[in-house]
């Protein structure tokens, strides 16, 4: 055991250990930030979400919209919590460029 204690720590070993320690610290932070992101979404009522378009403005045309598995399936939104219809609309509408 004295050999392990008396052994000098090489620069390479130190850097490997530091990299491993920092990567271990990043895992919980990314998990918490994903939960915080999900919690940061606004309610449908707060965003005045409706299941029909407002003229030519609808979720499919919005940059915030994340499509469902098919074109007609409900998707999700980066701003509004829960499922949203492709033909829906809310006040967070931002047209795709």
C-alpha atoms as a PDB file:
ATOM      1  CA  UNK A   1       0.000   0.000   0.000  1.00  0.00           C
ATOM      2  CA  UNK A   2       2.920   2.348   0.639  1.00  0.00           C
ATOM      3  CA  UNK A   3       3.917   1.946  -3.009  1.00  0.00           C
ATOM      4  CA  UNK A   4       0.534   3.330  -4.113  1.00  0.00           C
ATOM      5  CA  UNK A   5       0.722   6.284  -1.756  1.00  0.00           C
ATOM      6  CA  UNK A   6       4.331   7.118  -2.596  1.00  0.00           C
ATOM      7  CA  UNK A   7       3.835   6.804  -6.364  1.00  0.00           C
ATOM      8  CA  UNK A   8       3.964  10.177  -8.077  1.00  0.00           C
ATOM      9  CA  UNK A   9       0.905  11.229  -9.980  1.00  0.00           C
ATOM     10  CA  UNK A  10       1.691  11.745 -13.647  1.00  0.00           C
ATOM     11  CA  UNK A  11       0.275  14.646 -15.594  1.00  0.00           C
ATOM     12  CA  UNK A  12      -1.562  12.223 -17.897  1.00  0.00           C
ATOM     13  CA  UNK A  13      -3.208  10.419 -14.962  1.00  0.00           C
ATOM     14  CA  UNK A  14      -4.189  13.730 -13.417  1.00  0.00           C
ATOM     15  CA  UNK A  15      -5.788  14.972 -16.655  1.00  0.00           C
ATOM     16  CA  UNK A  16      -7.643  11.678 -17.186  1.00  0.00           C
ATOM     17  CA  UNK A  17      -8.995  11.862 -13.648  1.00  0.00           C
ATOM     18  CA  UNK A  18     -10.013  15.490 -14.064  1.00  0.00           C
ATOM     19  CA  UNK A  19     -11.796  14.716 -17.338  1.00  0.00           C
ATOM     20  CA  UNK A  20     -13.633  11.782 -15.770  1.00  0.00           C
ATOM     21  CA  UNK A  21     -14.657  13.833 -12.757  1.00  0.00           C
ATOM     22  CA  UNK A  22     -15.943  16.720 -14.872  1.00  0.00           C
ATOM     23  CA  UNK A  23     -17.921  14.386 -17.143  1.00  0.00           C
ATOM     24  CA  UNK A  24     -19.509  12.746 -14.099  1.00  0.00           C
ATOM     25  CA  UNK A  25     -20.539  16.164 -12.830  1.00  0.00           C
ATOM     26  CA  UNK A  26     -22.152  17.079 -16.171  1.00  0.00           C
ATOM     27  CA  UNK A  27     -24.579  14.134 -16.183  1.00  0.00           C
ATOM     28  CA  UNK A  28     -26.787  15.336 -13.292  1.00  0.00           C
ATOM     29  CA  UNK A  29     -26.695  18.891 -14.638  1.00  0.00           C
ATOM     30  CA  UNK A  30     -27.999  17.797 -18.042  1.00  0.00           C
ATOM     31  CA  UNK A  31     -30.722  15.709 -16.402  1.00  0.00           C
ATOM     32  CA  UNK A  32     -31.844  18.633 -14.251  1.00  0.00           C
ATOM     33  CA  UNK A  33     -31.777  21.025 -17.208  1.00  0.00           C
ATOM     34  CA  UNK A  34     -34.017  18.667 -19.232  1.00  0.00           C
ATOM     35  CA  UNK A  35     -36.500  18.607 -16.363  1.00  0.00           C
ATOM     36  CA  UNK A  36     -36.303  22.373 -16.001  1.00  0.00           C
ATOM     37  CA  UNK A  37     -36.868  22.772 -19.738  1.00  0.00           C
ATOM     38  CA  UNK A  38     -39.974  20.577 -19.587  1.00  0.00           C
ATOM     39  CA  UNK A  39     -41.257  22.505 -16.573  1.00  0.00           C
ATOM     40  CA  UNK A  40     -40.653  25.838 -18.300  1.00  0.00           C
ATOM     41  CA  UNK A  41     -43.390  25.269 -20.897  1.00  0.00           C
ATOM     42  CA  UNK A  42     -46.497  27.407 -20.617  1.00  0.00           C
ATOM     43  CA  UNK A  43     -50.012  26.071 -20.241  1.00  0.00           C
ATOM     44  CA  UNK A  44     -52.377  25.991 -23.200  1.00  0.00           C
ATOM     45  CA  UNK A  45     -54.619  28.528 -21.472  1.00  0.00           C
ATOM     46  CA  UNK A  46     -51.728  30.942 -20.884  1.00  0.00           C
ATOM     47  CA  UNK A  47     -50.746  30.733 -24.557  1.00  0.00           C
ATOM     48  CA  UNK A  48     -54.394  30.976 -25.708  1.00  0.00           C
ATOM     49  CA  UNK A  49     -54.042  27.700 -27.641  1.00  0.00           C
ATOM     50  CA  UNK A  50     -56.943  26.653 -29.876  1.00  0.00           C
ATOM     51  CA  UNK A  51     -57.384  23.520 -32.020  1.00  0.00           C
ATOM     52  CA  UNK A  52     -57.982  25.501 -35.213  1.00  0.00           C
ATOM     53  CA  UNK A  53     -55.811  27.859 -37.297  1.00  0.00           C
ATOM     54  CA  UNK A  54     -55.891  31.642 -37.162  1.00  0.00           C
ATOM     55  CA  UNK A  55     -56.132  32.448 -40.851  1.00  0.00           C
ATOM     56  CA  UNK A  56     -52.962  31.017 -42.384  1.00  0.00           C
ATOM     57  CA  UNK A  57     -51.230  30.686 -39.018  1.00  0.00           C
ATOM     58  CA  UNK A  58     -51.172  27.127 -37.658  1.00  0.00           C
ATOM     59  CA  UNK A  59     -48.810  24.890 -35.688  1.00  0.00           C
ATOM     60  CA  UNK A  60     -47.457  23.154 -38.805  1.00  0.00           C
ATOM     61  CA  UNK A  61     -46.247  26.547 -40.063  1.00  0.00           C
ATOM     62  CA  UNK A  62     -44.673  27.460 -36.711  1.00  0.00           C
ATOM     63  CA  UNK A  63     -40.985  27.065 -35.879  1.00  0.00           C
ATOM     64  CA  UNK A  64     -41.906  25.946 -32.325  1.00  0.00           C
ATOM     65  CA  UNK A  65     -43.903  22.906 -33.540  1.00  0.00           C
ATOM     66  CA  UNK A  66     -42.427  19.387 -33.263  1.00  0.00           C
ATOM     67  CA  UNK A  67     -44.396  17.048 -35.586  1.00  0.00           C
ATOM     68  CA  UNK A  68     -45.934  13.776 -34.450  1.00  0.00           C
ATOM     69  CA  UNK A  69     -45.249  10.368 -36.005  1.00  0.00           C
ATOM     70  CA  UNK A  70     -47.507  11.096 -38.989  1.00  0.00           C
ATOM     71  CA  UNK A  71     -48.575  14.323 -40.683  1.00  0.00           C
ATOM     72  CA  UNK A  72     -52.046  14.167 -39.102  1.00  0.00           C
ATOM     73  CA  UNK A  73     -50.925  13.004 -35.638  1.00  0.00           C
ATOM     74  CA  UNK A  74     -50.706  15.451 -32.765  1.00  0.00           C
ATOM     75  CA  UNK A  75     -47.246  16.832 -32.133  1.00  0.00           C
ATOM     76  CA  UNK A  76     -45.641  18.808 -29.355  1.00  0.00           C
ATOM     77  CA  UNK A  77     -44.468  22.367 -28.970  1.00  0.00           C
ATOM     78  CA  UNK A  78     -41.292  23.934 -27.603  1.00  0.00           C
ATOM     79  CA  UNK A  79     -43.406  26.542 -25.791  1.00  0.00           C
ATOM     80  CA  UNK A  80     -46.816  24.980 -24.988  1.00  0.00           C
ATOM     81  CA  UNK A  81     -47.128  21.973 -22.692  1.00  0.00           C
ATOM     82  CA  UNK A  82     -48.904  18.815 -23.817  1.00  0.00           C
ATOM     83  CA  UNK A  83     -49.954  17.576 -27.237  1.00  0.00           C
ATOM     84  CA  UNK A  84     -50.906  20.111 -29.896  1.00  0.00           C
ATOM     85  CA  UNK A  85     -52.783  19.604 -33.133  1.00  0.00           C
ATOM     86  CA  UNK A  86     -51.020  20.364 -36.436  1.00  0.00           C
ATOM     87  CA  UNK A  87     -53.829  22.761 -37.350  1.00  0.00           C
ATOM     88  CA  UNK A  88     -53.809  24.430 -33.901  1.00  0.00           C
ATOM     89  CA  UNK A  89     -52.709  27.974 -33.099  1.00  0.00           C
ATOM     90  CA  UNK A  90     -51.452  29.971 -30.110  1.00  0.00           C
ATOM     91  CA  UNK A  91     -50.027  33.425 -29.435  1.00  0.00           C
ATOM     92  CA  UNK A  92     -46.456  32.071 -29.479  1.00  0.00           C
ATOM     93  CA  UNK A  93     -46.734  31.506 -33.231  1.00  0.00           C
ATOM     94  CA  UNK A  94     -43.475  32.238 -35.085  1.00  0.00           C
ATOM     95  CA  UNK A  95     -43.463  31.470 -38.811  1.00  0.00           C
ATOM     96  CA  UNK A  96     -40.883  29.097 -40.255  1.00  0.00           C
ATOM     97  CA  UNK A  97     -38.407  30.898 -42.445  1.00  0.00           C
END
